[in-house]
Amino acid sequence: MTFLPGGLGGHEAASVSLSLLYGATQAQAVVATVLIRMITLWFAVGIGIYFFGLIRMRY
């Protein structure tokens, strides 16, 4: 468990470790972890920023 926002660091370490445990190479594990982080966290942040701008322009 980590006290950083979004589980930053702890999630990545666990994800890479589990990927390596199940037979992925180190490069595959790191790339998969980065992609998962980008998709799950930053995609939602991007949607929020988009709609914040949309609402701000209307009101």
Protein backbone atom coordinates (compact mmCIF):
# COMPACT_ATOMS: atom_id res chain seq x y z
CA MET A 1 0.00 0.00 0.00
CA THR A 2 1.25 3.44 -0.88
CA PHE A 3 0.02 6.80 0.30
CA LEU A 4 0.84 8.54 -2.96
CA PRO A 5 -2.02 9.69 -5.20
CA GLY A 6 -3.25 7.01 -7.57
CA GLY A 7 -1.01 4.39 -5.98
CA LEU A 8 1.90 5.92 -7.87
CA GLY A 9 4.94 3.69 -7.63
CA GLY A 10 3.34 0.85 -5.70
CA HIS A 11 1.00 -0.05 -8.52
CA GLU A 12 3.79 0.02 -11.07
CA ALA A 13 6.08 -2.15 -8.95
CA ALA A 14 3.34 -4.71 -8.39
CA SER A 15 2.33 -4.73 -12.04
CA VAL A 16 5.88 -5.24 -13.32
CA SER A 17 6.57 -7.90 -10.69
CA LEU A 18 3.44 -9.86 -11.51
CA SER A 19 4.11 -9.62 -15.23
CA LEU A 20 7.62 -10.98 -14.71
CA LEU A 21 6.25 -13.73 -12.48
CA TYR A 22 3.89 -14.85 -15.25
CA GLY A 23 6.63 -15.02 -17.88
CA ALA A 24 6.84 -11.62 -19.54
CA THR A 25 10.24 -10.18 -20.37
CA GLN A 26 11.33 -7.08 -18.48
CA ALA A 27 10.74 -4.86 -21.51
CA GLN A 28 7.25 -6.27 -22.05
CA ALA A 29 6.38 -5.83 -18.38
CA VAL A 30 7.51 -2.20 -18.31
CA VAL A 31 5.75 -1.30 -21.57
CA ALA A 32 2.53 -2.98 -20.46
CA THR A 33 2.66 -1.20 -17.10
CA VAL A 34 3.23 2.21 -18.70
CA LEU A 35 0.36 1.64 -21.14
CA ILE A 36 -1.98 0.52 -18.39
CA ARG A 37 -1.10 3.59 -16.30
CA MET A 38 -1.63 5.91 -19.26
CA ILE A 39 -4.96 4.36 -20.17
CA THR A 40 -6.45 4.03 -16.70
CA LEU A 41 -5.26 7.28 -15.13
CA TRP A 42 -4.40 9.82 -17.77
CA PHE A 43 -7.28 8.98 -20.10
CA ALA A 44 -9.73 9.90 -17.31
CA VAL A 45 -7.76 13.07 -16.55
CA GLY A 46 -7.91 14.03 -20.23
CA ILE A 47 -11.68 13.54 -20.35
CA GLY A 48 -12.04 15.67 -17.21
CA ILE A 49 -9.94 18.48 -18.67
CA TYR A 50 -11.93 18.37 -21.90
CA PHE A 51 -15.30 18.64 -20.16
CA PHE A 52 -14.01 21.26 -17.73
CA GLY A 53 -13.07 23.42 -20.72
CA LEU A 54 -16.42 22.75 -22.36
CA ILE A 55 -18.35 23.79 -19.26
CA ARG A 56 -16.13 26.80 -18.72
CA MET A 57 -16.81 28.03 -22.26
CA ARG A 58 -20.60 27.70 -21.78
CA TYR A 59 -20.83 29.46 -18.44
